[in-house]
Amino acid sequence: MAWNIKGEFIESCSCNVMCPCWYGVQELMLMDKGYCASPWLIRVAQGNSDGVDLSGCTLVLNMFFPGPTLYDGNGTARLHIDENANEDQRRELEAIFTGKRGGPMEVPASLLTTWLSTRYDKIDITKEDGTLSATIGTYGTIVSRPLVNDAGDEMTFKNAGFAVALQLDDHTVQIAPSTGGSWGDSDMPQATWETRSGALAHISWSVS
């Protein structure tokens, strides 16, 4: 089934900036806390899946990896889809973001062993002085503070392993620390954590 999505990809992670998993090199993946906990916020600007309009949808993919490296897999994940999505949108988004419809989401899905039941939560997003904050039901918050240099230019890195594997636009991500974000889910192997690392990118994904 064909689908396409254009939008914003906001990553946060329990590691220090930058999360070593971005580099895609196993020997560099030294998880700061001995595990990796990473909620991703996806904001769909435009999208369609098998005739279902996905424009304006928002969701969070929350993942936990026990380590010692990301490539050891055995991860646990849960999708949180904004409560405003209708039944058709929920079905299509769940299929895409669990990797069942192919495309870039097959990459994280290949490292995940356990999928917890999808939740349909209120997702509130605010933006002030360039910092984005999102509250996902009673589960947690995601913070994204894009860094710029003294000239006001975005601090970015390009062609890192996961930026390529996830087919992010121009294979480029902006460094965006997530300090202040936190999460709590008693069904996860690690019930609570705080985030520090983060990245911001744009996506233009499609599968025909």
Protein backbone atom coordinates (compact mmCIF):
# COMPACT_ATOMS: atom_id res chain seq x y z
CA MET A 1 0.00 0.00 0.00
CA ALA A 2 1.39 3.38 -1.04
CA TRP A 3 1.97 6.14 1.47
CA ASN A 4 3.84 9.43 1.79
CA ILE A 5 4.61 11.77 4.65
CA LYS A 6 6.26 15.18 4.85
CA GLY A 7 6.87 16.77 8.19
CA GLU A 8 9.08 17.36 11.21
CA PHE A 9 11.10 14.76 13.10
CA ILE A 10 12.05 15.66 16.68
CA GLU A 11 14.27 13.20 18.55
CA SER A 12 15.07 13.17 22.24
CA CYS A 13 17.24 10.72 24.15
CA SER A 14 18.48 9.86 27.63
CA CYS A 15 22.14 10.12 26.53
CA ASN A 16 24.23 13.27 26.66
CA VAL A 17 24.51 15.39 23.53
CA MET A 18 25.02 13.92 21.01
CA CYS A 19 23.52 10.46 21.36
CA PRO A 20 26.25 8.13 19.99
CA CYS A 21 23.69 5.96 18.18
CA TRP A 22 23.38 8.65 15.49
CA TYR A 23 26.79 7.70 14.13
CA GLY A 24 25.68 4.16 13.33
CA VAL A 25 29.03 2.71 14.43
CA GLN A 26 28.69 -0.06 17.00
CA GLU A 27 31.91 0.55 18.90
CA LEU A 28 30.92 4.20 19.47
CA MET A 29 27.51 3.36 20.93
CA LEU A 30 28.38 3.73 24.60
CA MET A 31 25.06 4.48 26.27
CA ASP A 32 25.65 7.02 29.04
CA LYS A 33 23.26 5.38 31.48
CA GLY A 34 23.75 1.81 30.30
CA TYR A 35 20.48 2.01 28.36
CA CYS A 36 18.92 4.21 25.68
CA ALA A 37 15.47 5.72 26.09
CA SER A 38 14.28 7.78 23.16
CA PRO A 39 10.86 9.35 22.46
CA TRP A 40 10.47 10.67 18.89
CA LEU A 41 7.89 13.32 18.08
CA ILE A 42 6.59 13.27 14.50
CA ARG A 43 4.52 16.17 13.18
CA VAL A 44 2.95 15.39 9.82
CA ALA A 45 2.50 18.50 7.67
CA GLN A 46 1.27 16.59 4.61
CA GLY A 47 0.61 12.91 4.20
CA ASN A 48 -1.54 10.23 2.64
CA SER A 49 -1.72 6.48 3.13
CA ASP A 50 -3.89 4.28 0.92
CA GLY A 51 -6.24 7.19 0.33
CA VAL A 52 -6.37 8.33 3.97
CA ASP A 53 -5.32 11.96 4.54
CA LEU A 54 -2.72 12.12 7.33
CA SER A 55 -2.05 15.86 7.12
CA GLY A 56 -1.89 17.53 10.51
CA CYS A 57 -1.48 14.31 12.49
CA THR A 58 0.94 14.13 15.42
CA LEU A 59 2.40 11.09 17.14
CA VAL A 60 5.20 9.95 19.42
CA LEU A 61 7.22 6.76 19.08
CA ASN A 62 8.67 5.98 22.50
CA MET A 63 11.50 3.41 22.54
CA PHE A 64 13.67 1.79 25.16
CA PHE A 65 16.82 -0.22 24.44
CA PRO A 66 18.57 -2.13 27.27
CA GLY A 67 22.01 -2.04 25.65
CA PRO A 68 24.88 -2.45 25.76
CA THR A 69 24.58 -1.04 22.21
CA LEU A 70 21.65 -0.14 20.01
CA TYR A 71 22.57 -2.94 17.61
CA ASP A 72 21.92 -5.46 20.39
CA GLY A 73 18.26 -4.64 19.83
CA ASN A 74 15.75 -6.28 22.17
CA GLY A 75 13.97 -2.92 22.37
CA THR A 76 10.50 -2.12 23.69
CA ALA A 77 8.28 0.52 22.10
CA ARG A 78 4.92 2.18 22.34
CA LEU A 79 3.15 4.48 19.90
CA HIS A 80 1.23 7.48 21.19
CA ILE A 81 -1.11 8.92 18.54
CA ASP A 82 -2.84 12.23 19.10
CA GLU A 83 -6.42 11.72 20.25
CA ASN A 84 -7.71 13.95 17.44
CA ALA A 85 -6.76 11.37 14.80
CA ASN A 86 -9.77 9.49 13.45
CA GLU A 87 -10.02 5.71 13.23
CA ASP A 88 -8.68 5.50 9.67
CA GLN A 89 -5.73 7.78 10.47
CA ARG A 90 -4.92 5.77 13.59
CA ARG A 91 -4.87 2.54 11.61
CA GLU A 92 -2.59 3.91 8.89
CA LEU A 93 -0.21 5.68 11.27
CA GLU A 94 0.16 2.58 13.41
CA ALA A 95 0.98 0.44 10.37
CA ILE A 96 3.55 2.94 9.05
CA PHE A 97 5.31 3.70 12.32
CA THR A 98 5.59 0.08 13.42
CA GLY A 99 7.44 -0.57 10.15
CA LYS A 100 4.74 -2.78 8.63
CA ARG A 101 4.41 -0.59 5.53
CA GLY A 102 8.10 -0.48 4.66
CA GLY A 103 10.20 2.65 4.33
CA PRO A 104 12.55 4.21 6.90
CA MET A 105 10.56 2.99 9.89
CA GLU A 106 11.74 -0.54 9.15
CA VAL A 107 15.08 0.56 10.64
CA PRO A 108 13.97 1.08 14.26
CA ALA A 109 11.38 -1.69 13.95
CA SER A 110 14.17 -4.19 13.18
CA LEU A 111 15.68 -3.42 16.61
CA LEU A 112 12.43 -3.71 18.56
CA THR A 113 11.26 -6.99 20.06
CA THR A 114 8.23 -5.85 22.07
CA TRP A 115 5.44 -3.51 21.02
CA LEU A 116 3.21 -2.29 23.81
CA SER A 117 -0.39 -1.38 22.98
CA THR A 118 -0.86 1.92 21.17
CA ARG A 119 -2.21 4.83 23.21
CA TYR A 120 -4.38 7.67 21.94
CA ASP A 121 -3.43 10.69 24.00
CA LYS A 122 -3.80 14.42 24.01
CA ILE A 123 -0.57 15.88 22.64
CA ASP A 124 -0.11 19.56 23.47
CA ILE A 125 2.69 21.45 21.71
CA THR A 126 3.95 24.93 22.52
CA LYS A 127 6.87 26.92 21.13
CA GLU A 128 8.55 29.85 22.84
CA ASP A 129 11.82 31.57 21.93
CA GLY A 130 12.62 28.71 19.56
CA THR A 131 12.16 25.98 22.19
CA LEU A 132 9.46 23.41 21.47
CA SER A 133 7.73 21.61 24.32
CA ALA A 134 5.24 18.78 23.94
CA THR A 135 3.16 17.11 26.63
CA ILE A 136 1.94 13.61 25.82
CA GLY A 137 -1.03 12.69 28.00
CA THR A 138 0.18 11.72 31.46
CA TYR A 139 3.26 9.96 30.09
CA GLY A 140 5.76 12.74 29.75
CA THR A 141 7.20 15.74 28.00
CA ILE A 142 9.49 16.26 25.05
CA VAL A 143 11.69 19.35 24.84
CA SER A 144 13.60 20.47 21.76
CA ARG A 145 15.95 23.46 21.94
CA PRO A 146 17.66 23.88 18.54
CA LEU A 147 21.19 25.22 18.85
CA VAL A 148 22.53 28.11 16.76
CA ASN A 149 25.97 29.68 16.70
CA ASP A 150 26.83 33.32 17.41
CA ALA A 151 25.94 34.22 13.83
CA GLY A 152 22.50 32.65 14.20
CA ASP A 153 23.32 29.69 11.96
CA GLU A 154 21.92 26.27 12.81
CA MET A 155 24.36 23.80 14.36
CA THR A 156 24.01 20.69 12.23
CA PHE A 157 25.71 17.45 11.32
CA LYS A 158 25.33 15.62 8.05
CA ASN A 159 25.61 12.10 6.61
CA ALA A 160 25.74 10.40 10.01
CA GLY A 161 24.71 6.76 9.85
CA PHE A 162 21.18 7.08 11.19
CA ALA A 163 20.48 10.32 9.31
CA VAL A 164 21.10 8.32 6.13
CA ALA A 165 19.31 5.16 7.27
CA LEU A 166 16.22 7.13 8.30
CA GLN A 167 16.28 9.06 5.01
CA LEU A 168 16.11 12.44 6.72
CA ASP A 169 16.00 15.38 4.32
CA ASP A 170 19.51 16.15 3.02
CA HIS A 171 20.76 13.52 5.51
CA THR A 172 21.08 16.46 7.90
CA VAL A 173 19.95 17.00 11.50
CA GLN A 174 20.09 20.08 13.65
CA ILE A 175 21.46 19.60 17.16
CA ALA A 176 18.59 20.28 19.56
CA PRO A 177 19.17 19.29 23.21
CA SER A 178 16.16 17.92 25.06
CA THR A 179 17.20 18.79 28.64
CA GLY A 180 14.07 19.11 30.74
CA GLY A 181 12.17 16.33 29.01
CA SER A 182 11.01 13.37 31.08
CA TRP A 183 9.01 10.19 30.67
CA GLY A 184 7.13 7.69 32.79
CA ASP A 185 5.62 4.41 31.62
CA SER A 186 5.35 1.57 34.12
CA ASP A 187 5.07 -0.97 31.30
CA MET A 188 8.55 -0.13 30.03
CA PRO A 189 11.63 -2.03 31.32
CA GLN A 190 12.82 1.33 32.72
CA ALA A 191 9.78 3.06 34.18
CA THR A 192 11.07 6.66 34.26
CA TRP A 193 13.87 8.69 32.77
CA GLU A 194 14.94 12.18 31.77
CA THR A 195 16.29 13.29 28.42
CA ARG A 196 19.29 15.41 27.43
CA SER A 197 20.28 14.68 23.83
CA GLY A 198 18.12 15.69 20.91
CA ALA A 199 17.97 16.40 17.21
CA LEU A 200 15.62 18.06 14.76
CA ALA A 201 15.14 17.17 11.11
CA HIS A 202 12.65 17.21 8.26
CA ILE A 203 11.29 14.13 6.54
CA SER A 204 9.91 13.46 3.06
CA TRP A 205 9.12 9.76 3.12
CA SER A 206 7.22 7.74 0.55
CA VAL A 207 6.61 4.13 -0.38
CA SER A 208 4.91 3.25 -3.65
